[in-house]
All heavy atoms as atom14 arrays in JSON, in Angstrom:
{
  "sequence": "ILSSTEPGDVVLDPFFGTGTTGAVAKKLGRNYIGVERDKDYIKVAKKR",
  "atom14_mask": [
    [1, 1, 1, 1, 1, 1, 1, 1, 0, 0, 0, 0, 0, 0],
    [1, 1, 1, 1, 1, 1, 1, 1, 0, 0, 0, 0, 0, 0],
    [1, 1, 1, 1, 1, 1, 0, 0, 0, 0, 0, 0, 0, 0],
    [1, 1, 1, 1, 1, 1, 0, 0, 0, 0, 0, 0, 0, 0],
    [1, 1, 1, 1, 1, 1, 1, 0, 0, 0, 0, 0, 0, 0],
    [1, 1, 1, 1, 1, 1, 1, 1, 1, 0, 0, 0, 0, 0],
    [1, 1, 1, 1, 1, 1, 1, 0, 0, 0, 0, 0, 0, 0],
    [1, 1, 1, 1, 0, 0, 0, 0, 0, 0, 0, 0, 0, 0],
    [1, 1, 1, 1, 1, 1, 1, 1, 0, 0, 0, 0, 0, 0],
    [1, 1, 1, 1, 1, 1, 1, 0, 0, 0, 0, 0, 0, 0],
    [1, 1, 1, 1, 1, 1, 1, 0, 0, 0, 0, 0, 0, 0],
    [1, 1, 1, 1, 1, 1, 1, 1, 0, 0, 0, 0, 0, 0],
    [1, 1, 1, 1, 1, 1, 1, 1, 0, 0, 0, 0, 0, 0],
    [1, 1, 1, 1, 1, 1, 1, 0, 0, 0, 0, 0, 0, 0],
    [1, 1, 1, 1, 1, 1, 1, 1, 1, 1, 1, 0, 0, 0],
    [1, 1, 1, 1, 1, 1, 1, 1, 1, 1, 1, 0, 0, 0],
    [1, 1, 1, 1, 0, 0, 0, 0, 0, 0, 0, 0, 0, 0],
    [1, 1, 1, 1, 1, 1, 1, 0, 0, 0, 0, 0, 0, 0],
    [1, 1, 1, 1, 0, 0, 0, 0, 0, 0, 0, 0, 0, 0],
    [1, 1, 1, 1, 1, 1, 1, 0, 0, 0, 0, 0, 0, 0],
    [1, 1, 1, 1, 1, 1, 1, 0, 0, 0, 0, 0, 0, 0],
    [1, 1, 1, 1, 0, 0, 0, 0, 0, 0, 0, 0, 0, 0],
    [1, 1, 1, 1, 1, 0, 0, 0, 0, 0, 0, 0, 0, 0],
    [1, 1, 1, 1, 1, 1, 1, 0, 0, 0, 0, 0, 0, 0],
    [1, 1, 1, 1, 1, 0, 0, 0, 0, 0, 0, 0, 0, 0],
    [1, 1, 1, 1, 1, 1, 1, 1, 1, 0, 0, 0, 0, 0],
    [1, 1, 1, 1, 1, 1, 1, 1, 1, 0, 0, 0, 0, 0],
    [1, 1, 1, 1, 1, 1, 1, 1, 0, 0, 0, 0, 0, 0],
    [1, 1, 1, 1, 0, 0, 0, 0, 0, 0, 0, 0, 0, 0],
    [1, 1, 1, 1, 1, 1, 1, 1, 1, 1, 1, 0, 0, 0],
    [1, 1, 1, 1, 1, 1, 1, 1, 0, 0, 0, 0, 0, 0],
    [1, 1, 1, 1, 1, 1, 1, 1, 1, 1, 1, 1, 0, 0],
    [1, 1, 1, 1, 1, 1, 1, 1, 0, 0, 0, 0, 0, 0],
    [1, 1, 1, 1, 0, 0, 0, 0, 0, 0, 0, 0, 0, 0],
    [1, 1, 1, 1, 1, 1, 1, 0, 0, 0, 0, 0, 0, 0],
    [1, 1, 1, 1, 1, 1, 1, 1, 1, 0, 0, 0, 0, 0],
    [1, 1, 1, 1, 1, 1, 1, 1, 1, 1, 1, 0, 0, 0],
    [1, 1, 1, 1, 1, 1, 1, 1, 0, 0, 0, 0, 0, 0],
    [1, 1, 1, 1, 1, 1, 1, 1, 1, 0, 0, 0, 0, 0],
    [1, 1, 1, 1, 1, 1, 1, 1, 0, 0, 0, 0, 0, 0],
    [1, 1, 1, 1, 1, 1, 1, 1, 1, 1, 1, 1, 0, 0],
    [1, 1, 1, 1, 1, 1, 1, 1, 0, 0, 0, 0, 0, 0],
    [1, 1, 1, 1, 1, 1, 1, 1, 1, 0, 0, 0, 0, 0],
    [1, 1, 1, 1, 1, 1, 1, 0, 0, 0, 0, 0, 0, 0],
    [1, 1, 1, 1, 1, 0, 0, 0, 0, 0, 0, 0, 0, 0],
    [1, 1, 1, 1, 1, 1, 1, 1, 1, 0, 0, 0, 0, 0],
    [1, 1, 1, 1, 1, 1, 1, 1, 1, 0, 0, 0, 0, 0],
    [1, 1, 1, 1, 1, 1, 1, 1, 1, 1, 1, 0, 0, 0]
  ],
  "atom14_positions": [
    [[2.81, -20.07, 4.88], [3.62, -19.75, 5.88], [3.71, -20.6, 7.07], [4.7, -21.0, 7.68], [3.38, -18.27, 6.36], [3.65, -17.31, 5.37], [4.08, -17.84, 7.77], [3.14, -15.87, 5.63], [0.0, 0.0, 0.0], [0.0, 0.0, 0.0], [0.0, 0.0, 0.0], [0.0, 0.0, 0.0], [0.0, 0.0, 0.0], [0.0, 0.0, 0.0]],
    [[2.46, -21.18, 7.47], [2.36, -22.15, 8.58], [3.11, -23.38, 8.21], [3.66, -24.15, 9.13], [0.94, -22.43, 8.87], [0.67, -23.19, 10.24], [1.13, -22.34, 11.5], [-0.75, -23.55, 10.34], [0.0, 0.0, 0.0], [0.0, 0.0, 0.0], [0.0, 0.0, 0.0], [0.0, 0.0, 0.0], [0.0, 0.0, 0.0], [0.0, 0.0, 0.0]],
    [[3.1, -23.8, 7.03], [3.7, -25.15, 6.61], [5.18, -25.03, 6.46], [5.85, -26.04, 6.8], [3.09, -25.5, 5.25], [3.61, -24.61, 4.17], [0.0, 0.0, 0.0], [0.0, 0.0, 0.0], [0.0, 0.0, 0.0], [0.0, 0.0, 0.0], [0.0, 0.0, 0.0], [0.0, 0.0, 0.0], [0.0, 0.0, 0.0], [0.0, 0.0, 0.0]],
    [[5.85, -23.91, 6.21], [7.27, -23.91, 5.89], [8.02, -22.96, 6.63], [9.25, -22.73, 6.33], [7.36, -23.57, 4.32], [6.67, -22.36, 4.07], [0.0, 0.0, 0.0], [0.0, 0.0, 0.0], [0.0, 0.0, 0.0], [0.0, 0.0, 0.0], [0.0, 0.0, 0.0], [0.0, 0.0, 0.0], [0.0, 0.0, 0.0], [0.0, 0.0, 0.0]],
    [[7.56, -22.39, 7.72], [8.33, -21.45, 8.62], [8.02, -21.68, 10.16], [7.1, -22.42, 10.37], [8.02, -19.98, 8.25], [6.7, -19.72, 8.64], [8.19, -19.56, 6.81], [0.0, 0.0, 0.0], [0.0, 0.0, 0.0], [0.0, 0.0, 0.0], [0.0, 0.0, 0.0], [0.0, 0.0, 0.0], [0.0, 0.0, 0.0], [0.0, 0.0, 0.0]],
    [[8.93, -21.22, 10.93], [8.71, -21.31, 12.34], [8.67, -19.78, 12.8], [9.01, -18.82, 12.1], [9.91, -22.02, 13.06], [10.08, -23.5, 12.76], [11.19, -24.07, 13.44], [12.41, -23.44, 13.41], [11.06, -25.16, 14.05], [0.0, 0.0, 0.0], [0.0, 0.0, 0.0], [0.0, 0.0, 0.0], [0.0, 0.0, 0.0], [0.0, 0.0, 0.0]],
    [[7.98, -19.59, 14.11], [7.95, -18.24, 14.56], [9.33, -17.64, 14.64], [10.33, -18.23, 14.97], [7.33, -18.5, 15.95], [6.51, -19.73, 15.9], [7.36, -20.59, 14.79], [0.0, 0.0, 0.0], [0.0, 0.0, 0.0], [0.0, 0.0, 0.0], [0.0, 0.0, 0.0], [0.0, 0.0, 0.0], [0.0, 0.0, 0.0], [0.0, 0.0, 0.0]],
    [[9.33, -16.44, 14.27], [10.7, -15.66, 14.27], [11.33, -15.64, 12.95], [12.31, -14.83, 12.74], [0.0, 0.0, 0.0], [0.0, 0.0, 0.0], [0.0, 0.0, 0.0], [0.0, 0.0, 0.0], [0.0, 0.0, 0.0], [0.0, 0.0, 0.0], [0.0, 0.0, 0.0], [0.0, 0.0, 0.0], [0.0, 0.0, 0.0], [0.0, 0.0, 0.0]],
    [[10.99, -16.65, 11.93], [11.64, -16.67, 10.75], [11.34, -15.5, 9.89], [10.37, -14.75, 10.24], [11.07, -17.99, 9.9], [11.81, -19.23, 10.44], [12.71, -19.1, 11.12], [11.36, -20.21, 9.93], [0.0, 0.0, 0.0], [0.0, 0.0, 0.0], [0.0, 0.0, 0.0], [0.0, 0.0, 0.0], [0.0, 0.0, 0.0], [0.0, 0.0, 0.0]],
    [[12.17, -15.23, 8.91], [11.98, -14.06, 8.03], [11.38, -14.61, 6.58], [11.98, -15.49, 6.06], [13.42, -13.32, 7.73], [13.21, -12.19, 6.9], [13.91, -13.01, 9.11], [0.0, 0.0, 0.0], [0.0, 0.0, 0.0], [0.0, 0.0, 0.0], [0.0, 0.0, 0.0], [0.0, 0.0, 0.0], [0.0, 0.0, 0.0], [0.0, 0.0, 0.0]],
    [[10.35, -14.04, 6.23], [9.66, -14.22, 4.99], [9.79, -13.02, 4.11], [9.41, -11.87, 4.47], [8.13, -14.5, 5.17], [7.45, -14.94, 3.91], [7.92, -15.55, 6.21], [0.0, 0.0, 0.0], [0.0, 0.0, 0.0], [0.0, 0.0, 0.0], [0.0, 0.0, 0.0], [0.0, 0.0, 0.0], [0.0, 0.0, 0.0], [0.0, 0.0, 0.0]],
    [[10.38, -13.22, 2.94], [10.54, -12.14, 1.92], [9.6, -12.27, 0.82], [9.35, -13.35, 0.24], [11.87, -12.22, 1.32], [12.27, -11.32, 0.13], [12.17, -9.94, 0.45], [13.53, -11.71, -0.47], [0.0, 0.0, 0.0], [0.0, 0.0, 0.0], [0.0, 0.0, 0.0], [0.0, 0.0, 0.0], [0.0, 0.0, 0.0], [0.0, 0.0, 0.0]],
    [[8.82, -11.17, 0.5], [7.96, -11.08, -0.6], [8.5, -10.03, -1.58], [8.32, -8.8, -1.24], [6.51, -10.8, -0.19], [5.5, -10.85, -1.34], [5.87, -10.72, -2.44], [4.3, -11.07, -1.05], [0.0, 0.0, 0.0], [0.0, 0.0, 0.0], [0.0, 0.0, 0.0], [0.0, 0.0, 0.0], [0.0, 0.0, 0.0], [0.0, 0.0, 0.0]],
    [[9.16, -10.36, -2.66], [9.66, -9.49, -3.65], [8.72, -8.75, -4.5], [9.0, -7.68, -5.19], [10.65, -10.25, -4.47], [9.97, -11.57, -4.45], [9.5, -11.74, -3.13], [0.0, 0.0, 0.0], [0.0, 0.0, 0.0], [0.0, 0.0, 0.0], [0.0, 0.0, 0.0], [0.0, 0.0, 0.0], [0.0, 0.0, 0.0], [0.0, 0.0, 0.0]],
    [[7.29, -9.08, -4.42], [6.19, -8.43, -5.14], [5.1, -8.25, -4.15], [4.12, -8.9, -4.3], [5.78, -9.28, -6.27], [7.0, -9.73, -7.14], [7.58, -11.01, -7.13], [7.4, -8.75, -8.07], [8.63, -11.33, -7.96], [8.6, -9.23, -8.91], [9.15, -10.39, -8.76], [0.0, 0.0, 0.0], [0.0, 0.0, 0.0], [0.0, 0.0, 0.0]],
    [[5.38, -7.35, -3.19], [4.52, -7.14, -2.0], [3.11, -6.77, -2.12], [2.28, -7.26, -1.46], [5.29, -6.22, -1.03], [4.92, -6.35, 0.45], [5.11, -7.68, 1.07], [4.49, -5.28, 1.2], [4.78, -7.73, 2.41], [4.21, -5.47, 2.44], [4.32, -6.63, 3.14], [0.0, 0.0, 0.0], [0.0, 0.0, 0.0], [0.0, 0.0, 0.0]],
    [[2.9, -5.99, -3.12], [1.47, -5.49, -3.38], [0.87, -4.83, -2.22], [1.54, -3.96, -1.7], [0.0, 0.0, 0.0], [0.0, 0.0, 0.0], [0.0, 0.0, 0.0], [0.0, 0.0, 0.0], [0.0, 0.0, 0.0], [0.0, 0.0, 0.0], [0.0, 0.0, 0.0], [0.0, 0.0, 0.0], [0.0, 0.0, 0.0], [0.0, 0.0, 0.0]],
    [[-0.3, -5.16, -1.88], [-1.04, -4.56, -0.72], [-0.68, -5.37, 0.61], [-1.38, -5.0, 1.6], [-2.53, -4.55, -0.9], [-2.98, -5.81, -1.29], [-2.71, -3.62, -2.07], [0.0, 0.0, 0.0], [0.0, 0.0, 0.0], [0.0, 0.0, 0.0], [0.0, 0.0, 0.0], [0.0, 0.0, 0.0], [0.0, 0.0, 0.0], [0.0, 0.0, 0.0]],
    [[0.33, -6.25, 0.58], [0.92, -6.65, 1.94], [0.2, -7.96, 2.51], [0.44, -8.21, 3.71], [0.0, 0.0, 0.0], [0.0, 0.0, 0.0], [0.0, 0.0, 0.0], [0.0, 0.0, 0.0], [0.0, 0.0, 0.0], [0.0, 0.0, 0.0], [0.0, 0.0, 0.0], [0.0, 0.0, 0.0], [0.0, 0.0, 0.0], [0.0, 0.0, 0.0]],
    [[-0.4, -8.73, 1.72], [-0.92, -10.01, 2.18], [0.02, -10.79, 2.97], [-0.16, -11.38, 4.07], [-1.7, -10.82, 1.16], [-2.62, -9.96, 0.45], [-2.34, -11.96, 1.78], [0.0, 0.0, 0.0], [0.0, 0.0, 0.0], [0.0, 0.0, 0.0], [0.0, 0.0, 0.0], [0.0, 0.0, 0.0], [0.0, 0.0, 0.0], [0.0, 0.0, 0.0]],
    [[1.28, -11.03, 2.4], [2.2, -11.89, 3.0], [2.63, -11.33, 4.32], [2.79, -11.97, 5.3], [3.49, -11.92, 2.04], [3.09, -12.48, 0.87], [4.57, -12.85, 2.65], [0.0, 0.0, 0.0], [0.0, 0.0, 0.0], [0.0, 0.0, 0.0], [0.0, 0.0, 0.0], [0.0, 0.0, 0.0], [0.0, 0.0, 0.0], [0.0, 0.0, 0.0]],
    [[2.87, -9.95, 4.36], [3.2, -9.37, 5.67], [2.28, -9.55, 6.71], [2.43, -9.66, 7.86], [0.0, 0.0, 0.0], [0.0, 0.0, 0.0], [0.0, 0.0, 0.0], [0.0, 0.0, 0.0], [0.0, 0.0, 0.0], [0.0, 0.0, 0.0], [0.0, 0.0, 0.0], [0.0, 0.0, 0.0], [0.0, 0.0, 0.0], [0.0, 0.0, 0.0]],
    [[0.97, -9.31, 6.35], [-0.14, -9.35, 7.26], [-0.3, -10.65, 8.01], [-0.39, -10.87, 9.19], [-1.45, -9.09, 6.46], [0.0, 0.0, 0.0], [0.0, 0.0, 0.0], [0.0, 0.0, 0.0], [0.0, 0.0, 0.0], [0.0, 0.0, 0.0], [0.0, 0.0, 0.0], [0.0, 0.0, 0.0], [0.0, 0.0, 0.0], [0.0, 0.0, 0.0]],
    [[-0.16, -11.68, 7.17], [-0.3, -13.13, 7.63], [1.06, -13.52, 8.44], [0.81, -14.11, 9.56], [-0.43, -14.1, 6.59], [-0.46, -15.53, 7.02], [-1.71, -13.84, 5.71], [0.0, 0.0, 0.0], [0.0, 0.0, 0.0], [0.0, 0.0, 0.0], [0.0, 0.0, 0.0], [0.0, 0.0, 0.0], [0.0, 0.0, 0.0], [0.0, 0.0, 0.0]],
    [[2.18, -13.01, 8.02], [3.34, -13.29, 8.73], [3.32, -12.62, 10.14], [3.68, -13.34, 11.06], [4.6, -12.71, 7.9], [0.0, 0.0, 0.0], [0.0, 0.0, 0.0], [0.0, 0.0, 0.0], [0.0, 0.0, 0.0], [0.0, 0.0, 0.0], [0.0, 0.0, 0.0], [0.0, 0.0, 0.0], [0.0, 0.0, 0.0], [0.0, 0.0, 0.0]],
    [[2.77, -11.41, 10.18], [2.79, -10.72, 11.43], [1.62, -11.43, 12.33], [2.0, -11.54, 13.55], [2.24, -9.21, 11.2], [2.42, -8.45, 12.43], [2.04, -6.98, 12.02], [2.38, -6.06, 13.32], [2.02, -4.59, 12.81], [0.0, 0.0, 0.0], [0.0, 0.0, 0.0], [0.0, 0.0, 0.0], [0.0, 0.0, 0.0], [0.0, 0.0, 0.0]],
    [[0.67, -11.91, 11.87], [-0.37, -12.63, 12.67], [0.15, -13.93, 13.2], [-0.21, -14.31, 14.36], [-1.64, -12.92, 11.84], [-2.42, -11.67, 11.48], [-3.67, -12.03, 10.64], [-4.43, -10.7, 10.31], [-5.64, -11.08, 9.46], [0.0, 0.0, 0.0], [0.0, 0.0, 0.0], [0.0, 0.0, 0.0], [0.0, 0.0, 0.0], [0.0, 0.0, 0.0]],
    [[1.16, -14.49, 12.46], [1.71, -15.79, 12.91], [3.03, -15.75, 13.51], [3.72, -16.71, 13.76], [1.9, -16.73, 11.65], [0.55, -17.2, 11.01], [0.74, -18.04, 9.78], [-0.3, -18.0, 11.96], [0.0, 0.0, 0.0], [0.0, 0.0, 0.0], [0.0, 0.0, 0.0], [0.0, 0.0, 0.0], [0.0, 0.0, 0.0], [0.0, 0.0, 0.0]],
    [[3.48, -14.48, 13.96], [4.67, -14.33, 14.76], [5.93, -14.48, 13.89], [6.94, -14.83, 14.39], [0.0, 0.0, 0.0], [0.0, 0.0, 0.0], [0.0, 0.0, 0.0], [0.0, 0.0, 0.0], [0.0, 0.0, 0.0], [0.0, 0.0, 0.0], [0.0, 0.0, 0.0], [0.0, 0.0, 0.0], [0.0, 0.0, 0.0], [0.0, 0.0, 0.0]],
    [[5.82, -14.32, 12.52], [6.94, -14.37, 11.68], [7.33, -12.93, 11.32], [6.53, -12.02, 11.4], [6.71, -15.09, 10.43], [6.8, -16.59, 10.54], [5.8, -17.39, 11.45], [5.87, -18.8, 11.15], [5.22, -19.59, 11.94], [4.35, -19.15, 12.82], [5.17, -20.94, 11.61], [0.0, 0.0, 0.0], [0.0, 0.0, 0.0], [0.0, 0.0, 0.0]],
    [[8.65, -12.7, 10.82], [9.01, -11.43, 10.29], [8.9, -11.41, 8.83], [8.93, -12.42, 8.19], [10.57, -11.28, 10.72], [10.72, -11.23, 12.27], [10.17, -10.29, 12.92], [11.44, -12.1, 12.73], [0.0, 0.0, 0.0], [0.0, 0.0, 0.0], [0.0, 0.0, 0.0], [0.0, 0.0, 0.0], [0.0, 0.0, 0.0], [0.0, 0.0, 0.0]],
    [[8.76, -10.22, 8.35], [8.59, -10.1, 6.91], [9.43, -8.95, 6.38], [9.77, -8.03, 7.05], [7.07, -9.68, 6.58], [6.5, -8.32, 6.99], [6.8, -7.35, 6.21], [6.0, -8.31, 8.17], [6.37, -5.95, 6.63], [5.49, -7.01, 8.73], [5.79, -5.85, 7.92], [5.35, -4.66, 8.41], [0.0, 0.0, 0.0], [0.0, 0.0, 0.0]],
    [[9.76, -9.13, 5.17], [10.41, -7.96, 4.26], [9.56, -7.97, 2.97], [9.52, -9.06, 2.33], [11.86, -8.16, 4.09], [12.72, -8.28, 5.46], [12.45, -7.06, 3.24], [14.21, -8.7, 5.21], [0.0, 0.0, 0.0], [0.0, 0.0, 0.0], [0.0, 0.0, 0.0], [0.0, 0.0, 0.0], [0.0, 0.0, 0.0], [0.0, 0.0, 0.0]],
    [[9.14, -6.76, 2.68], [8.39, -6.69, 1.39], [9.1, -5.73, 0.43], [9.77, -4.75, 0.95], [0.0, 0.0, 0.0], [0.0, 0.0, 0.0], [0.0, 0.0, 0.0], [0.0, 0.0, 0.0], [0.0, 0.0, 0.0], [0.0, 0.0, 0.0], [0.0, 0.0, 0.0], [0.0, 0.0, 0.0], [0.0, 0.0, 0.0], [0.0, 0.0, 0.0]],
    [[9.06, -5.99, -0.85], [9.59, -5.11, -1.82], [8.42, -4.76, -2.79], [7.7, -5.63, -3.37], [10.76, -5.83, -2.64], [11.25, -4.87, -3.78], [11.81, -6.34, -1.81], [0.0, 0.0, 0.0], [0.0, 0.0, 0.0], [0.0, 0.0, 0.0], [0.0, 0.0, 0.0], [0.0, 0.0, 0.0], [0.0, 0.0, 0.0], [0.0, 0.0, 0.0]],
    [[8.29, -3.52, -3.1], [7.24, -2.93, -3.89], [7.54, -1.61, -4.46], [8.13, -0.84, -3.75], [5.93, -2.8, -3.05], [4.65, -2.29, -3.77], [4.4, -3.15, -5.05], [4.3, -4.3, -4.9], [4.37, -2.55, -6.12], [0.0, 0.0, 0.0], [0.0, 0.0, 0.0], [0.0, 0.0, 0.0], [0.0, 0.0, 0.0], [0.0, 0.0, 0.0]],
    [[7.2, -1.47, -5.68], [7.71, -0.24, -6.39], [6.53, 0.75, -6.59], [6.74, 1.88, -6.84], [8.27, -0.54, -7.77], [7.29, -1.04, -8.78], [7.95, -1.43, -10.1], [6.93, -1.82, -11.09], [7.29, -2.07, -12.38], [8.62, -2.14, -12.65], [6.37, -2.49, -13.31], [0.0, 0.0, 0.0], [0.0, 0.0, 0.0], [0.0, 0.0, 0.0]],
    [[5.2, 0.28, -6.36], [4.09, 1.11, -6.53], [3.78, 1.87, -5.24], [3.41, 1.22, -4.12], [2.96, 0.29, -7.08], [1.72, 1.07, -7.46], [1.09, 1.83, -6.6], [1.36, 1.09, -8.68], [0.0, 0.0, 0.0], [0.0, 0.0, 0.0], [0.0, 0.0, 0.0], [0.0, 0.0, 0.0], [0.0, 0.0, 0.0], [0.0, 0.0, 0.0]],
    [[3.8, 3.13, -5.28], [3.54, 4.03, -4.13], [2.12, 3.74, -3.53], [1.96, 3.74, -2.27], [3.89, 5.42, -4.28], [5.31, 5.73, -4.6], [5.51, 7.33, -4.85], [6.85, 7.64, -5.26], [7.84, 7.27, -4.17], [0.0, 0.0, 0.0], [0.0, 0.0, 0.0], [0.0, 0.0, 0.0], [0.0, 0.0, 0.0], [0.0, 0.0, 0.0]],
    [[1.14, 3.62, -4.33], [-0.15, 3.46, -3.89], [-0.34, 2.08, -3.13], [-1.0, 1.99, -2.12], [-1.21, 3.54, -5.13], [-1.25, 4.88, -5.79], [-1.0, 5.98, -4.94], [-1.58, 4.97, -6.9], [0.0, 0.0, 0.0], [0.0, 0.0, 0.0], [0.0, 0.0, 0.0], [0.0, 0.0, 0.0], [0.0, 0.0, 0.0], [0.0, 0.0, 0.0]],
    [[0.29, 1.08, -3.63], [0.18, -0.27, -3.0], [0.85, -0.17, -1.56], [0.33, -0.76, -0.63], [0.86, -1.4, -3.9], [0.08, -1.58, -5.23], [0.85, -2.27, -6.18], [-1.16, -1.25, -5.41], [0.24, -2.59, -7.34], [-1.77, -1.59, -6.53], [-1.04, -2.17, -7.63], [-1.63, -2.48, -8.73], [0.0, 0.0, 0.0], [0.0, 0.0, 0.0]],
    [[2.05, 0.49, -1.6], [2.77, 0.56, -0.36], [1.91, 1.46, 0.72], [1.9, 0.87, 1.9], [4.09, 1.39, -0.54], [5.08, 0.42, -1.34], [4.7, 1.72, 0.77], [6.47, 1.25, -1.85], [0.0, 0.0, 0.0], [0.0, 0.0, 0.0], [0.0, 0.0, 0.0], [0.0, 0.0, 0.0], [0.0, 0.0, 0.0], [0.0, 0.0, 0.0]],
    [[1.27, 2.41, 0.33], [0.4, 3.14, 1.08], [-0.66, 2.26, 1.76], [-0.95, 2.35, 2.93], [-0.23, 4.25, 0.38], [-1.06, 5.07, 1.32], [-1.67, 6.38, 0.5], [-2.56, 7.14, 1.38], [-3.21, 8.32, 0.51], [0.0, 0.0, 0.0], [0.0, 0.0, 0.0], [0.0, 0.0, 0.0], [0.0, 0.0, 0.0], [0.0, 0.0, 0.0]],
    [[-1.28, 1.47, 0.93], [-2.34, 0.56, 1.35], [-1.75, -0.49, 2.38], [-2.31, -0.77, 3.4], [-3.05, -0.21, 0.19], [-3.95, -1.29, 0.72], [-3.79, 0.81, -0.59], [0.0, 0.0, 0.0], [0.0, 0.0, 0.0], [0.0, 0.0, 0.0], [0.0, 0.0, 0.0], [0.0, 0.0, 0.0], [0.0, 0.0, 0.0], [0.0, 0.0, 0.0]],
    [[-0.56, -1.13, 1.93], [0.0, -2.09, 2.76], [0.42, -1.6, 4.1], [0.19, -2.31, 5.17], [1.24, -2.65, 2.06], [0.0, 0.0, 0.0], [0.0, 0.0, 0.0], [0.0, 0.0, 0.0], [0.0, 0.0, 0.0], [0.0, 0.0, 0.0], [0.0, 0.0, 0.0], [0.0, 0.0, 0.0], [0.0, 0.0, 0.0], [0.0, 0.0, 0.0]],
    [[1.03, -0.47, 4.21], [1.41, 0.18, 5.57], [0.26, 0.32, 6.45], [0.26, 0.06, 7.57], [2.19, 1.41, 5.29], [3.52, 1.36, 4.81], [4.31, 2.65, 4.65], [5.72, 2.53, 4.39], [6.41, 3.85, 4.11], [0.0, 0.0, 0.0], [0.0, 0.0, 0.0], [0.0, 0.0, 0.0], [0.0, 0.0, 0.0], [0.0, 0.0, 0.0]],
    [[-0.87, 0.9, 5.89], [-2.12, 1.04, 6.76], [-2.62, -0.37, 7.15], [-3.02, -0.51, 8.4], [-3.16, 1.71, 5.85], [-4.48, 2.04, 6.58], [-5.4, 2.76, 5.8], [-6.89, 2.97, 6.6], [-7.79, 3.65, 5.81], [0.0, 0.0, 0.0], [0.0, 0.0, 0.0], [0.0, 0.0, 0.0], [0.0, 0.0, 0.0], [0.0, 0.0, 0.0]],
    [[-2.59, -1.28, 6.32], [-3.06, -2.55, 6.6], [-2.24, -3.27, 7.75], [-2.84, -3.82, 8.68], [-3.09, -3.54, 5.41], [-3.51, -4.9, 5.6], [-3.36, -5.63, 4.16], [-3.87, -6.94, 4.27], [-3.78, -7.89, 3.19], [-3.26, -7.37, 2.18], [-4.36, -9.04, 3.32], [0.0, 0.0, 0.0], [0.0, 0.0, 0.0], [0.0, 0.0, 0.0]]
  ]
}
């Protein structure tokens, strides 16, 4: 994310899992959109 985006950019992760992409994007001032079909993974990602 640091190499290929600027603050405020939108990062999409179509296989979001437990949200690592979103977590790092948020820490670096980027926006994220995650796609995930597993409810358990989504629950973990939202808490994280």
